[in-house]
Amino acid sequence: MNSRIKLVMKSGKAILGYKATLKSLRTSKSKMILIASNCPPLRKSEIEYLAMLSKTQVHHYTGDNSELGTACGKFFNASVMSIIDAGDSDILTRNSKE
């Protein structure tokens, strides 16, 4: 999963952060949402609800927010990540089969 996330960050378009993800969900630009394992329950349920309304895939990332930020190649924590364009990665098609 980490290699796919790195490929998305390099060749596609992704947004990190809670507020930006909510904005992309409301405008239906997101294709997939990744939520870190230690994301607060209220925040997680709000994102899942908006994703259900906008018919967006949700993946619960196994690592915590610091691991998700590191997988994205950033030096900060990220509890939520929104994929807008997958680029060369097969994360959108491959992930639904796993």
C-alpha atoms as a PDB file:
ATOM      1  CA  MET A   1       0.000   0.000   0.000  1.00  0.00           C
ATOM      2  CA  ASN A   2       2.837   2.411   0.822  1.00  0.00           C
ATOM      3  CA  SER A   3       4.378   2.034  -2.633  1.00  0.00           C
ATOM      4  CA  ARG A   4       1.025   2.846  -4.246  1.00  0.00           C
ATOM      5  CA  ILE A   5       0.648   5.931  -2.057  1.00  0.00           C
ATOM      6  CA  LYS A   6       4.141   7.097  -3.054  1.00  0.00           C
ATOM      7  CA  LEU A   7       3.253   6.628  -6.730  1.00  0.00           C
ATOM      8  CA  VAL A   8       0.059   8.654  -6.280  1.00  0.00           C
ATOM      9  CA  MET A   9       2.011  11.476  -4.635  1.00  0.00           C
ATOM     10  CA  LYS A  10       4.550  11.434  -7.476  1.00  0.00           C
ATOM     11  CA  SER A  11       2.332  11.021 -10.559  1.00  0.00           C
ATOM     12  CA  GLY A  12      -1.213  11.820  -9.408  1.00  0.00           C
ATOM     13  CA  LYS A  13      -2.958  14.413  -7.273  1.00  0.00           C
ATOM     14  CA  ALA A  14      -3.667  13.965  -3.574  1.00  0.00           C
ATOM     15  CA  ILE A  15      -4.693  16.182  -0.672  1.00  0.00           C
ATOM     16  CA  LEU A  16      -3.566  15.763   2.923  1.00  0.00           C
ATOM     17  CA  GLY A  17      -5.538  16.956   5.909  1.00  0.00           C
ATOM     18  CA  TYR A  18      -8.995  16.888   7.396  1.00  0.00           C
ATOM     19  CA  LYS A  19     -10.368  20.251   6.243  1.00  0.00           C
ATOM     20  CA  ALA A  20      -9.141  19.933   2.673  1.00  0.00           C
ATOM     21  CA  THR A  21     -10.522  16.387   2.484  1.00  0.00           C
ATOM     22  CA  LEU A  22     -13.947  17.553   3.661  1.00  0.00           C
ATOM     23  CA  LYS A  23     -13.895  20.252   0.996  1.00  0.00           C
ATOM     24  CA  SER A  24     -12.980  17.761  -1.738  1.00  0.00           C
ATOM     25  CA  LEU A  25     -15.727  15.395  -0.547  1.00  0.00           C
ATOM     26  CA  ARG A  26     -18.345  18.144  -0.605  1.00  0.00           C
ATOM     27  CA  THR A  27     -17.393  19.075  -4.171  1.00  0.00           C
ATOM     28  CA  SER A  28     -17.225  15.362  -5.162  1.00  0.00           C
ATOM     29  CA  LYS A  29     -13.649  15.637  -6.449  1.00  0.00           C
ATOM     30  CA  SER A  30     -12.277  12.768  -4.354  1.00  0.00           C
ATOM     31  CA  LYS A  31     -11.989   9.267  -5.749  1.00  0.00           C
ATOM     32  CA  MET A  32     -10.686   7.630  -2.574  1.00  0.00           C
ATOM     33  CA  ILE A  33     -10.136   8.543   1.075  1.00  0.00           C
ATOM     34  CA  LEU A  34      -7.473   7.020   3.322  1.00  0.00           C
ATOM     35  CA  ILE A  35      -8.039   7.315   7.071  1.00  0.00           C
ATOM     36  CA  ALA A  36      -5.262   6.598   9.592  1.00  0.00           C
ATOM     37  CA  SER A  37      -5.900   4.076  12.363  1.00  0.00           C
ATOM     38  CA  ASN A  38      -5.638   6.643  15.167  1.00  0.00           C
ATOM     39  CA  CYS A  39      -8.013   9.196  13.645  1.00  0.00           C
ATOM     40  CA  PRO A  40     -10.576  10.305  16.275  1.00  0.00           C
ATOM     41  CA  PRO A  41     -13.891   8.370  16.040  1.00  0.00           C
ATOM     42  CA  LEU A  42     -16.095  11.438  15.529  1.00  0.00           C
ATOM     43  CA  ARG A  43     -13.881  12.736  12.728  1.00  0.00           C
ATOM     44  CA  LYS A  44     -13.708   9.266  11.163  1.00  0.00           C
ATOM     45  CA  SER A  45     -17.495   8.836  11.180  1.00  0.00           C
ATOM     46  CA  GLU A  46     -18.018  12.307   9.682  1.00  0.00           C
ATOM     47  CA  ILE A  47     -15.626  11.527   6.820  1.00  0.00           C
ATOM     48  CA  GLU A  48     -17.252   8.127   6.242  1.00  0.00           C
ATOM     49  CA  TYR A  49     -20.707   9.725   6.150  1.00  0.00           C
ATOM     50  CA  LEU A  50     -19.670  12.377   3.594  1.00  0.00           C
ATOM     51  CA  ALA A  51     -17.876   9.704   1.545  1.00  0.00           C
ATOM     52  CA  MET A  52     -21.052   7.617   1.499  1.00  0.00           C
ATOM     53  CA  LEU A  53     -23.053  10.616   0.266  1.00  0.00           C
ATOM     54  CA  SER A  54     -20.544  11.383  -2.484  1.00  0.00           C
ATOM     55  CA  LYS A  55     -20.069   7.672  -3.378  1.00  0.00           C
ATOM     56  CA  THR A  56     -16.338   7.728  -2.647  1.00  0.00           C
ATOM     57  CA  GLN A  57     -14.230   4.713  -1.620  1.00  0.00           C
ATOM     58  CA  VAL A  58     -12.884   4.718   1.936  1.00  0.00           C
ATOM     59  CA  HIS A  59      -9.791   2.764   2.956  1.00  0.00           C
ATOM     60  CA  HIS A  60      -8.776   2.414   6.598  1.00  0.00           C
ATOM     61  CA  TYR A  61      -4.985   2.677   6.577  1.00  0.00           C
ATOM     62  CA  THR A  62      -3.382   0.186   8.968  1.00  0.00           C
ATOM     63  CA  GLY A  63      -0.720   2.591  10.251  1.00  0.00           C
ATOM     64  CA  ASP A  64      -1.186   5.655  12.429  1.00  0.00           C
ATOM     65  CA  ASN A  65      -1.108   9.286  11.275  1.00  0.00           C
ATOM     66  CA  SER A  66       2.683   9.613  11.419  1.00  0.00           C
ATOM     67  CA  GLU A  67       3.081   6.522   9.213  1.00  0.00           C
ATOM     68  CA  LEU A  68       0.533   7.877   6.712  1.00  0.00           C
ATOM     69  CA  GLY A  69       2.417  11.178   6.544  1.00  0.00           C
ATOM     70  CA  THR A  70       5.711   9.330   6.040  1.00  0.00           C
ATOM     71  CA  ALA A  71       4.173   7.150   3.299  1.00  0.00           C
ATOM     72  CA  CYS A  72       3.195  10.356   1.505  1.00  0.00           C
ATOM     73  CA  GLY A  73       6.794  11.570   1.701  1.00  0.00           C
ATOM     74  CA  LYS A  74       6.020  14.353   4.176  1.00  0.00           C
ATOM     75  CA  PHE A  75       7.702  15.128   7.482  1.00  0.00           C
ATOM     76  CA  PHE A  76       4.441  15.723   9.330  1.00  0.00           C
ATOM     77  CA  ASN A  77       1.479  13.673  10.509  1.00  0.00           C
ATOM     78  CA  ALA A  78      -1.594  13.265   8.312  1.00  0.00           C
ATOM     79  CA  SER A  79      -4.683  11.536   9.666  1.00  0.00           C
ATOM     80  CA  VAL A  80      -6.665  11.811   6.410  1.00  0.00           C
ATOM     81  CA  MET A  81      -5.643  11.702   2.763  1.00  0.00           C
ATOM     82  CA  SER A  82      -7.852  12.303  -0.256  1.00  0.00           C
ATOM     83  CA  ILE A  83      -6.873  10.959  -3.686  1.00  0.00           C
ATOM     84  CA  ILE A  84      -8.202  13.144  -6.497  1.00  0.00           C
ATOM     85  CA  ASP A  85      -6.236  11.646  -9.392  1.00  0.00           C
ATOM     86  CA  ALA A  86      -4.464   8.285  -9.075  1.00  0.00           C
ATOM     87  CA  GLY A  87      -1.962   9.016 -11.846  1.00  0.00           C
ATOM     88  CA  ASP A  88       0.076   5.923 -12.783  1.00  0.00           C
ATOM     89  CA  SER A  89      -0.901   4.066  -9.601  1.00  0.00           C
ATOM     90  CA  ASP A  90      -3.422   1.203  -9.566  1.00  0.00           C
ATOM     91  CA  ILE A  91      -4.590   2.116  -6.062  1.00  0.00           C
ATOM     92  CA  LEU A  92      -8.235   2.711  -7.037  1.00  0.00           C
ATOM     93  CA  THR A  93      -8.735  -0.552  -8.929  1.00  0.00           C
ATOM     94  CA  ARG A  94      -6.346  -2.789  -6.993  1.00  0.00           C
ATOM     95  CA  ASN A  95      -7.548  -1.743  -3.543  1.00  0.00           C
ATOM     96  CA  SER A  96     -11.155  -2.824  -4.094  1.00  0.00           C
ATOM     97  CA  LYS A  97      -9.997  -6.410  -4.781  1.00  0.00           C
ATOM     98  CA  GLU A  98      -7.914  -6.718  -1.592  1.00  0.00           C
END
